[in-house]
Amino acid sequence: MDICNKTFENASSKCSVNAMLMECFMVLSTQAQKISIATLCGLFGTLCIFENSVVLYLIFSSPGTRRKPSYIFISSLALADLLASIIFVSSFVNFHVLNETDSSKELFLLKLGGVNTSFTASLSSLLLTALDRYVSISRPSEYKLLVTRKRAWAALGVLWAMCVTTASLPILGWNCCTLNSTCSELFPFVDDNYLSSWVCLVMALLGCIVYAYAHVLWRAHQHVAYMGKHQAQVGKQNSRMRMDVMLAKTLVMVLTVLVLCWSPVLILMIYSIFAKLTNHLRKVFAFCSTLCLLNSMVNPIIYALRSKELFSSLRAVFFRFKRRLRGTDDSPEGDSAHKSSVAET
């Protein structure tokens, strides 16, 4: 680590020898640590790809869900998590486990930009979903006029364009090699000021999400109290309230998981900006980074358990697959069993 400590002190020497710089960030020193990281990435990544693919299929295979703005935002979240799992696992394992050092500065920043885009889009999609619930509960009578499919797709277009632009800044020139400035101790070639700006952006997004959900929970509590006092009034309004309360609780669960998974990474990023990191803390950061992948894996599970529409669609797909697997498509008994299963769903 003496060579690395000297390398960290001089920005120009850091960027002049890419291989030496990259090796300084490969902090996993034992085979057990590498196997642990590879196992976590393989497990979380495989489940994340499978689950988010299923969520996207369930949403877009049903006309009822793919037309709703709420599920359009959820599909954006699933797509971002799917891309994050693919790009993150491949680049993370190649770097920390396989110790790939033949990448150029541009290629490394391109991979980092892909990870940055995916995770930022995931967080931003959660913000849009939170705002969607905020409008749904605060202004229910005007919701369909305010939140339309056209506006939902336009919002997603702006969101993804913003995420791609923000993530592309290092490769476009905002890096410590081009500016000859202070480099981050967590990411090669990344300027400390850029990392500070990205952390501020994430904290701002989290703050907006927390504010929106605080309002959603407050209104949800009011709805529950109202329904408790007017149990005799059963109708569309109460059904809508129950749906809002259910979806609000679901998204709060998603937010809770998000904060728990991202807090260690953000704390270490903030700490690295103001203090010098030890080799041990860099190892901790490498393992904590897999928690972001865990968050992307847990989100679809929450949807399947909490969303009645997606869960019903999932059960219908499961029963269809089960019938085909048993080869009972042409059997009258199989037809009867299938109809019974659909009726239950």
Foldseek 3Di string as FASTA:
>chain_A
DVVQVVLLVFLQSLQVDQLVNLVLLLLDDDLVLLVVLLVLLVVLLVLLLVLLVLLLCLQVVDPVRVFDLLSVLVNQLSVLLNQLSVLVSVVLSCCRNVVDRPDHPLRQLVSQLSNQLSLQSNLVSLLVNLVLLLCCLVPVVCSPVVDGPVVSVVVSVVSSVVSSVLSCVQSVQQWCNNVVARHFPQGRRHHLVSLVVSLVVSVVSLVSSVVSLVSLVVSLVVLVVVCVVPVVDDDDVNVSSVVSNLVSVLSVVLSVLVCVLCVVLSVLSVCRSPDPDDSVVSSVNSVSVSSSSVSSSCSSVSCCVRPPSSVLSVQLVVLVVVCVVVVCPVPPVSVVVSVVSNVVD
